[in-house]
Protein backbone atom coordinates (compact mmCIF):
# COMPACT_ATOMS: atom_id res chain seq x y z
CA MET A 1 -10.68 40.02 51.47
CA ASN A 2 -10.86 41.11 55.09
CA THR A 3 -10.45 44.90 55.45
CA GLU A 4 -8.35 44.57 58.62
CA PHE A 5 -5.96 42.29 56.72
CA ILE A 6 -5.65 44.80 53.85
CA PHE A 7 -5.25 47.67 56.31
CA TYR A 8 -2.43 45.85 58.12
CA PHE A 9 -0.50 45.13 54.93
CA ASN A 10 -1.00 48.69 53.66
CA LEU A 11 0.25 49.90 57.03
CA VAL A 12 3.49 47.94 56.67
CA GLY A 13 3.92 48.98 53.05
CA VAL A 14 2.63 45.88 51.29
CA SER A 15 0.21 46.49 48.44
CA GLY A 16 -0.70 44.86 45.14
CA ASN A 17 -0.91 41.18 44.21
CA HIS A 18 2.82 40.69 43.67
CA ASN A 19 3.71 41.92 47.16
CA PHE A 20 0.82 39.98 48.68
CA SER A 21 2.06 36.79 47.01
CA THR A 22 5.59 37.49 48.24
CA MET A 23 4.27 38.09 51.75
CA LEU A 24 2.36 34.77 51.70
CA LYS A 25 5.53 32.96 50.60
CA PHE A 26 7.44 34.65 53.41
CA ILE A 27 4.81 33.67 55.98
CA ASN A 28 4.75 30.11 54.66
CA SER A 29 8.56 29.92 54.82
CA THR A 30 8.55 31.30 58.35
CA PHE A 31 6.04 28.70 59.54
CA MET A 32 8.02 25.95 57.84
CA LEU A 33 11.20 27.13 59.57
CA LEU A 34 9.46 27.23 62.95
CA TYR A 35 8.11 23.73 62.35
CA LEU A 36 11.60 22.42 61.51
CA ILE A 37 13.08 24.02 64.62
CA PHE A 38 10.33 22.49 66.75
CA ALA A 39 10.83 19.08 65.12
CA MET A 40 14.59 19.22 65.70
CA THR A 41 14.28 20.16 69.37
CA THR A 42 11.72 17.48 70.16
CA ALA A 43 13.47 14.77 68.13
CA ASP A 44 16.20 14.46 70.78
CA GLU A 45 13.70 13.36 73.41
CA PRO A 46 13.69 9.58 73.60
CA LYS A 47 10.34 7.93 73.15
CA GLU A 48 11.35 5.14 75.53
CA LYS A 49 11.80 5.94 79.22
CA TYR A 50 12.94 3.85 82.18
CA THR A 51 10.22 2.65 84.54
CA THR A 52 9.28 5.14 87.25
CA LYS A 53 7.83 2.56 89.66
CA TYR A 54 10.89 2.87 91.93
CA ASP A 55 11.09 6.68 91.89
CA ASN A 56 9.55 6.85 95.38
CA ILE A 57 12.41 4.97 97.09
CA ASN A 58 13.90 7.12 99.84
CA LEU A 59 17.53 7.35 98.77
CA ASP A 60 18.62 8.97 102.04
CA ASP A 61 17.45 5.83 103.87
CA VAL A 62 19.46 3.62 101.51
CA LEU A 63 22.59 5.78 101.69
CA SER A 64 22.49 6.01 105.49
CA ASN A 65 21.99 2.24 105.94
CA LYS A 66 25.41 0.62 105.38
CA ARG A 67 23.97 -2.92 105.18
CA LEU A 68 21.38 -1.96 102.57
CA LEU A 69 23.86 0.15 100.58
CA LYS A 70 26.40 -2.70 100.55
CA SER A 71 23.75 -5.16 99.29
CA TYR A 72 22.92 -2.83 96.38
CA ILE A 73 26.62 -2.40 95.59
CA LYS A 74 27.17 -6.19 95.68
CA CYS A 75 24.20 -6.63 93.35
CA LEU A 76 25.55 -4.06 90.89
CA LEU A 77 28.99 -5.70 90.97
CA SER A 78 27.46 -9.19 90.46
CA GLU A 79 28.89 -10.26 93.81
CA GLY A 80 25.56 -10.88 95.52
CA PRO A 81 21.84 -11.37 94.94
CA CYS A 82 19.69 -8.56 93.54
CA THR A 83 16.28 -7.37 94.60
CA THR A 84 13.83 -6.69 91.76
CA ASP A 85 14.63 -2.98 91.79
CA GLY A 86 18.36 -3.70 92.05
CA ALA A 87 18.19 -5.98 89.00
CA GLU A 88 16.38 -3.31 86.96
CA LEU A 89 18.91 -0.70 88.06
CA LYS A 90 21.77 -3.02 87.13
CA GLN A 91 20.26 -3.54 83.69
CA SER A 92 19.74 0.22 83.10
CA ILE A 93 23.10 1.58 84.29
CA PRO A 94 25.18 0.96 81.13
CA ASP A 95 22.60 2.64 78.90
CA ALA A 96 22.05 5.51 81.36
CA ILE A 97 25.79 6.25 81.51
CA GLU A 98 26.19 5.98 77.74
CA THR A 99 23.22 8.24 76.96
CA ASN A 100 23.80 10.63 79.87
CA CYS A 101 20.49 9.51 81.39
CA THR A 102 18.31 10.78 78.54
CA LYS A 103 15.69 8.09 79.27
CA CYS A 104 15.60 9.00 82.97
CA SER A 105 12.77 10.86 84.65
CA GLN A 106 13.71 14.06 86.47
CA THR A 107 13.51 12.15 89.78
CA GLN A 108 15.84 9.46 88.44
CA ARG A 109 18.32 12.06 87.17
CA GLU A 110 18.42 13.81 90.53
CA GLY A 111 18.56 10.49 92.41
CA SER A 112 21.36 9.01 90.34
CA GLN A 113 23.33 12.21 90.74
CA LYS A 114 22.80 12.15 94.50
CA VAL A 115 23.84 8.48 94.82
CA MET A 116 26.89 8.84 92.60
CA TYR A 117 28.03 12.01 94.34
CA PHE A 118 27.63 10.20 97.67
CA LEU A 119 29.62 7.18 96.49
CA ILE A 120 32.39 9.27 94.94
CA ASP A 121 32.73 11.35 98.11
CA ASN A 122 32.06 8.73 100.82
CA GLU A 123 32.51 5.22 99.42
CA LYS A 124 35.59 5.65 97.27
CA GLU A 125 36.46 1.93 97.11
CA ALA A 126 32.93 0.92 96.09
CA TRP A 127 32.85 3.75 93.54
CA ALA A 128 36.19 2.61 92.08
CA GLN A 129 34.79 -0.92 91.60
CA LEU A 130 31.54 0.36 90.08
CA GLU A 131 33.43 2.77 87.85
CA LYS A 132 35.73 -0.01 86.64
CA LYS A 133 32.70 -2.11 85.70
CA TYR A 134 30.30 0.52 84.34
CA ASP A 135 32.44 3.55 83.42
CA PRO A 136 35.95 2.31 82.58
CA THR A 137 36.81 5.44 80.59
CA GLY A 138 35.85 7.70 83.52
CA SER A 139 33.51 9.82 81.39
CA TYR A 140 30.88 10.08 84.13
CA LYS A 141 33.45 11.00 86.77
CA LYS A 142 34.82 13.75 84.51
CA ARG A 143 31.31 15.20 84.11
CA TYR A 144 30.79 14.93 87.88
CA LEU A 145 34.00 16.75 88.71
CA ALA A 146 33.24 19.46 86.15
CA SER A 147 29.74 20.01 87.55
CA LYS A 148 31.03 19.92 91.13
CA ASP A 149 33.64 22.57 90.28
CA PHE A 150 30.92 24.64 88.59
CA THR A 151 28.57 24.27 91.58
CA THR A 152 31.33 25.19 94.04
CA THR A 153 32.30 28.19 91.91
CA ALA A 154 28.66 29.28 91.57
CA LYS A 155 28.13 29.06 95.35
CA THR A 156 31.28 31.10 95.97
CA VAL A 157 30.13 33.77 93.51
CA GLU A 158 26.66 33.93 95.14
CA GLU A 159 28.14 34.41 98.62
């Protein structure tokens, strides 16, 4: 047996085979507990993610271009044709709202938040139509308002 190992356990008051066996069981239990905690925290991460090939779209350009924004809105409402990216977005929205965007990349999370905040604040009629189609219970809007109140409160506290 390694002398440093024996020295350490004598230092902390562990001696004899019985205590050594108890210590090994304790260490084994501790590692098992850590493994279970790790497994539980990583199990929530979805293995499937949405495609990131459209993550480089400049959302400010889309939001500031009324014609382009309206065409995306019409696509999402099934009132007009969809571009390839619009069709993929339209297909992903119900799942993203239901799962709170757990399959989204960080860029997609930030982008969807930016677009939805913009629509809620600046395109109320379009948002009402989209909400009726994709979020009839208003669960996303409730989360938005709660986070907006929190952000406003946090900014006030910082100032």
